[in-house]
Amino acid sequence: MSSNIYKDIIRQREGQPQPPAATPQPPPLPREGEYLAFRSGSRVQMGFAVYRANGDMDGFLYHNLDNLALRRVSGVEFLTFTHRGKAVTMQGQGLKAVMQVIMAHTAMEVFEHDGKATVAAEPVIQRVEVTMADKSGSKVGTGLPSA
């Protein structure tokens, strides 16, 4: 009996034209000399890379991200998260958009501002710091001002 149901469904669908599958387009690259805070895709990603202005790069897998938080302190935005013993802090403007693409697992690349021209209403990541805890538990590599 159940095989008849499947046959009926297949017969019904055979007569209906199927729309062509949309080919996903890669996210646009910024114009030459223009800053872009992040690039995101239309599909869920495995992880994303953070590019620093000095050329350093760190990679983060989504399944290891924890403690994602967006805070405003004295009018300055901070986006923080942890990843397998690393603590990441981003300082900038419009970081809610960055948090949203990370939460959606669609961020592919995140860029620290490197002096290129910015667009007024777009997010800007002014500083990125990645710190690691050494064996004694103290932080190594902090560069953001302490409160």
C-alpha atoms as a PDB file:
ATOM      1  CA  MET A   1       0.000   0.000   0.000  1.00  0.00           C
ATOM      2  CA  SER A   2       2.737   2.490   0.884  1.00  0.00           C
ATOM      3  CA  SER A   3       4.469   1.853  -2.453  1.00  0.00           C
ATOM      4  CA  ASN A   4       1.294   3.063  -4.230  1.00  0.00           C
ATOM      5  CA  ILE A   5       1.529   6.373  -2.348  1.00  0.00           C
ATOM      6  CA  TYR A   6       5.118   6.871  -3.529  1.00  0.00           C
ATOM      7  CA  LYS A   7       4.151   6.000  -7.101  1.00  0.00           C
ATOM      8  CA  ASP A   8       1.309   8.546  -6.984  1.00  0.00           C
ATOM      9  CA  ILE A   9       3.660  11.258  -5.737  1.00  0.00           C
ATOM     10  CA  ILE A  10       6.205  10.492  -8.453  1.00  0.00           C
ATOM     11  CA  ARG A  11       3.486  10.503 -11.139  1.00  0.00           C
ATOM     12  CA  GLN A  12       2.185  13.872  -9.935  1.00  0.00           C
ATOM     13  CA  ARG A  13       5.639  15.425  -9.990  1.00  0.00           C
ATOM     14  CA  GLU A  14       6.552  14.086 -13.425  1.00  0.00           C
ATOM     15  CA  GLY A  15       4.044  16.361 -15.111  1.00  0.00           C
ATOM     16  CA  GLN A  16       5.178  19.512 -13.278  1.00  0.00           C
ATOM     17  CA  PRO A  17       8.108  21.492 -14.642  1.00  0.00           C
ATOM     18  CA  GLN A  18      10.860  21.893 -12.043  1.00  0.00           C
ATOM     19  CA  PRO A  19      12.487  25.307 -11.638  1.00  0.00           C
ATOM     20  CA  PRO A  20      16.186  25.336 -12.501  1.00  0.00           C
ATOM     21  CA  ALA A  21      18.461  25.102  -9.493  1.00  0.00           C
ATOM     22  CA  ALA A  22      20.015  28.437  -8.645  1.00  0.00           C
ATOM     23  CA  THR A  23      23.785  28.422  -8.802  1.00  0.00           C
ATOM     24  CA  PRO A  24      25.135  30.029  -5.652  1.00  0.00           C
ATOM     25  CA  GLN A  25      27.269  33.052  -6.380  1.00  0.00           C
ATOM     26  CA  PRO A  26      30.369  33.786  -4.318  1.00  0.00           C
ATOM     27  CA  PRO A  27      30.155  36.861  -2.116  1.00  0.00           C
ATOM     28  CA  PRO A  28      31.393  40.018  -3.835  1.00  0.00           C
ATOM     29  CA  LEU A  29      34.910  41.199  -3.199  1.00  0.00           C
ATOM     30  CA  PRO A  30      35.405  44.792  -2.085  1.00  0.00           C
ATOM     31  CA  ARG A  31      36.411  47.335  -4.686  1.00  0.00           C
ATOM     32  CA  GLU A  32      40.095  48.165  -4.847  1.00  0.00           C
ATOM     33  CA  GLY A  33      41.031  50.388  -1.920  1.00  0.00           C
ATOM     34  CA  GLU A  34      37.723  49.838  -0.068  1.00  0.00           C
ATOM     35  CA  TYR A  35      37.489  48.170   3.355  1.00  0.00           C
ATOM     36  CA  LEU A  36      35.078  45.322   4.037  1.00  0.00           C
ATOM     37  CA  ALA A  37      34.575  44.091   7.630  1.00  0.00           C
ATOM     38  CA  PHE A  38      33.487  40.571   6.646  1.00  0.00           C
ATOM     39  CA  ARG A  39      32.524  38.270   3.797  1.00  0.00           C
ATOM     40  CA  SER A  40      29.718  35.779   4.257  1.00  0.00           C
ATOM     41  CA  GLY A  41      28.306  33.055   2.065  1.00  0.00           C
ATOM     42  CA  SER A  42      24.784  31.937   1.322  1.00  0.00           C
ATOM     43  CA  ARG A  43      25.412  28.523   2.880  1.00  0.00           C
ATOM     44  CA  VAL A  44      26.476  27.333   6.306  1.00  0.00           C
ATOM     45  CA  GLN A  45      30.270  27.249   6.629  1.00  0.00           C
ATOM     46  CA  MET A  46      32.596  25.031   8.684  1.00  0.00           C
ATOM     47  CA  GLY A  47      34.509  28.020  10.045  1.00  0.00           C
ATOM     48  CA  PHE A  48      35.934  31.422   9.250  1.00  0.00           C
ATOM     49  CA  ALA A  49      39.274  33.219   9.117  1.00  0.00           C
ATOM     50  CA  VAL A  50      40.178  36.457  10.880  1.00  0.00           C
ATOM     51  CA  TYR A  51      42.675  38.592   8.947  1.00  0.00           C
ATOM     52  CA  ARG A  52      44.668  41.165  10.888  1.00  0.00           C
ATOM     53  CA  ALA A  53      45.906  44.449   9.434  1.00  0.00           C
ATOM     54  CA  ASN A  54      49.520  43.263   9.874  1.00  0.00           C
ATOM     55  CA  GLY A  55      48.916  40.169   7.722  1.00  0.00           C
ATOM     56  CA  ASP A  56      48.448  37.624  10.545  1.00  0.00           C
ATOM     57  CA  MET A  57      45.537  35.229  10.170  1.00  0.00           C
ATOM     58  CA  ASP A  58      43.648  32.983  12.611  1.00  0.00           C
ATOM     59  CA  GLY A  59      41.092  30.308  11.759  1.00  0.00           C
ATOM     60  CA  PHE A  60      38.083  29.348  13.866  1.00  0.00           C
ATOM     61  CA  LEU A  61      35.762  26.362  13.461  1.00  0.00           C
ATOM     62  CA  TYR A  62      32.135  27.063  14.316  1.00  0.00           C
ATOM     63  CA  HIS A  63      31.638  23.916  16.376  1.00  0.00           C
ATOM     64  CA  ASN A  64      34.340  25.123  18.811  1.00  0.00           C
ATOM     65  CA  LEU A  65      33.023  28.679  19.321  1.00  0.00           C
ATOM     66  CA  ASP A  66      31.726  29.602  22.767  1.00  0.00           C
ATOM     67  CA  ASN A  67      30.686  32.651  24.765  1.00  0.00           C
ATOM     68  CA  LEU A  68      29.878  34.953  21.836  1.00  0.00           C
ATOM     69  CA  ALA A  69      28.968  38.366  23.249  1.00  0.00           C
ATOM     70  CA  LEU A  70      28.484  41.925  22.005  1.00  0.00           C
ATOM     71  CA  ARG A  71      29.059  44.655  24.597  1.00  0.00           C
ATOM     72  CA  ARG A  72      29.053  48.446  24.504  1.00  0.00           C
ATOM     73  CA  VAL A  73      31.393  50.144  26.966  1.00  0.00           C
ATOM     74  CA  SER A  74      31.470  53.951  27.031  1.00  0.00           C
ATOM     75  CA  GLY A  75      30.102  54.077  23.486  1.00  0.00           C
ATOM     76  CA  VAL A  76      32.652  51.581  22.101  1.00  0.00           C
ATOM     77  CA  GLU A  77      31.527  48.169  20.809  1.00  0.00           C
ATOM     78  CA  PHE A  78      33.338  44.937  21.688  1.00  0.00           C
ATOM     79  CA  LEU A  79      32.565  41.540  20.153  1.00  0.00           C
ATOM     80  CA  THR A  80      34.115  38.664  22.075  1.00  0.00           C
ATOM     81  CA  PHE A  81      34.177  34.879  21.837  1.00  0.00           C
ATOM     82  CA  THR A  82      36.266  31.938  22.950  1.00  0.00           C
ATOM     83  CA  HIS A  83      37.617  29.102  20.842  1.00  0.00           C
ATOM     84  CA  ARG A  84      39.588  26.141  22.275  1.00  0.00           C
ATOM     85  CA  GLY A  85      41.663  28.066  24.808  1.00  0.00           C
ATOM     86  CA  LYS A  86      41.789  31.303  22.840  1.00  0.00           C
ATOM     87  CA  ALA A  87      39.888  34.460  23.687  1.00  0.00           C
ATOM     88  CA  VAL A  88      39.103  36.801  20.785  1.00  0.00           C
ATOM     89  CA  THR A  89      38.150  40.455  21.200  1.00  0.00           C
ATOM     90  CA  MET A  90      37.122  42.744  18.354  1.00  0.00           C
ATOM     91  CA  GLN A  91      36.667  46.476  18.852  1.00  0.00           C
ATOM     92  CA  GLY A  92      34.777  48.565  16.333  1.00  0.00           C
ATOM     93  CA  GLN A  93      31.473  49.942  15.062  1.00  0.00           C
ATOM     94  CA  GLY A  94      28.464  48.103  13.677  1.00  0.00           C
ATOM     95  CA  LEU A  95      29.636  44.800  15.142  1.00  0.00           C
ATOM     96  CA  LYS A  96      26.060  43.518  15.457  1.00  0.00           C
ATOM     97  CA  ALA A  97      26.204  42.588  11.747  1.00  0.00           C
ATOM     98  CA  VAL A  98      29.441  40.659  12.348  1.00  0.00           C
ATOM     99  CA  MET A  99      27.850  38.830  15.275  1.00  0.00           C
ATOM    100  CA  GLN A 100      24.808  37.946  13.186  1.00  0.00           C
ATOM    101  CA  VAL A 101      26.822  36.292  10.392  1.00  0.00           C
ATOM    102  CA  ILE A 102      28.862  34.388  12.981  1.00  0.00           C
ATOM    103  CA  MET A 103      25.666  33.229  14.715  1.00  0.00           C
ATOM    104  CA  ALA A 104      24.246  32.137  11.349  1.00  0.00           C
ATOM    105  CA  HIS A 105      27.493  30.213  10.614  1.00  0.00           C
ATOM    106  CA  THR A 106      27.808  31.990   7.271  1.00  0.00           C
ATOM    107  CA  ALA A 107      30.863  34.190   7.955  1.00  0.00           C
ATOM    108  CA  MET A 108      33.812  33.147   5.788  1.00  0.00           C
ATOM    109  CA  GLU A 109      36.289  35.950   6.478  1.00  0.00           C
ATOM    110  CA  VAL A 110      36.510  38.772   9.019  1.00  0.00           C
ATOM    111  CA  PHE A 111      38.939  41.657   8.433  1.00  0.00           C
ATOM    112  CA  GLU A 112      40.590  44.064  10.831  1.00  0.00           C
ATOM    113  CA  HIS A 113      40.607  47.610   9.419  1.00  0.00           C
ATOM    114  CA  ASP A 114      43.799  48.174   7.466  1.00  0.00           C
ATOM    115  CA  GLY A 115      43.550  51.858   6.638  1.00  0.00           C
ATOM    116  CA  LYS A 116      41.423  51.509   3.495  1.00  0.00           C
ATOM    117  CA  ALA A 117      38.448  53.781   2.889  1.00  0.00           C
ATOM    118  CA  THR A 118      35.305  52.878   4.838  1.00  0.00           C
ATOM    119  CA  VAL A 119      31.638  53.341   3.981  1.00  0.00           C
ATOM    120  CA  ALA A 120      29.714  55.391   6.565  1.00  0.00           C
ATOM    121  CA  ALA A 121      27.008  52.939   7.702  1.00  0.00           C
ATOM    122  CA  GLU A 122      29.062  49.750   7.270  1.00  0.00           C
ATOM    123  CA  PRO A 123      30.704  47.787  10.107  1.00  0.00           C
ATOM    124  CA  VAL A 124      34.356  48.539  10.905  1.00  0.00           C
ATOM    125  CA  ILE A 125      36.584  46.298  13.015  1.00  0.00           C
ATOM    126  CA  GLN A 126      39.209  48.676  14.361  1.00  0.00           C
ATOM    127  CA  ARG A 127      41.188  46.181  16.453  1.00  0.00           C
ATOM    128  CA  VAL A 128      41.386  42.421  16.867  1.00  0.00           C
ATOM    129  CA  GLU A 129      43.192  40.661  19.682  1.00  0.00           C
ATOM    130  CA  VAL A 130      43.589  36.920  20.137  1.00  0.00           C
ATOM    131  CA  THR A 131      44.846  35.855  23.547  1.00  0.00           C
ATOM    132  CA  MET A 132      45.810  32.421  24.820  1.00  0.00           C
ATOM    133  CA  ALA A 133      46.057  31.178  28.391  1.00  0.00           C
ATOM    134  CA  ASP A 134      49.456  29.745  29.264  1.00  0.00           C
ATOM    135  CA  LYS A 135      49.829  26.808  31.663  1.00  0.00           C
ATOM    136  CA  SER A 136      49.678  29.080  34.717  1.00  0.00           C
ATOM    137  CA  GLY A 137      46.323  30.418  33.554  1.00  0.00           C
ATOM    138  CA  SER A 138      47.484  33.979  32.878  1.00  0.00           C
ATOM    139  CA  LYS A 139      46.692  35.661  29.588  1.00  0.00           C
ATOM    140  CA  VAL A 140      49.360  35.959  26.919  1.00  0.00           C
ATOM    141  CA  GLY A 141      49.232  38.403  24.020  1.00  0.00           C
ATOM    142  CA  THR A 142      46.689  40.912  25.280  1.00  0.00           C
ATOM    143  CA  GLY A 143      46.854  44.270  23.604  1.00  0.00           C
ATOM    144  CA  LEU A 144      43.565  45.945  24.418  1.00  0.00           C
ATOM    145  CA  PRO A 145      43.444  48.560  27.157  1.00  0.00           C
ATOM    146  CA  SER A 146      42.434  47.203  30.534  1.00  0.00           C
ATOM    147  CA  ALA A 147      39.515  48.805  32.335  1.00  0.00           C
END
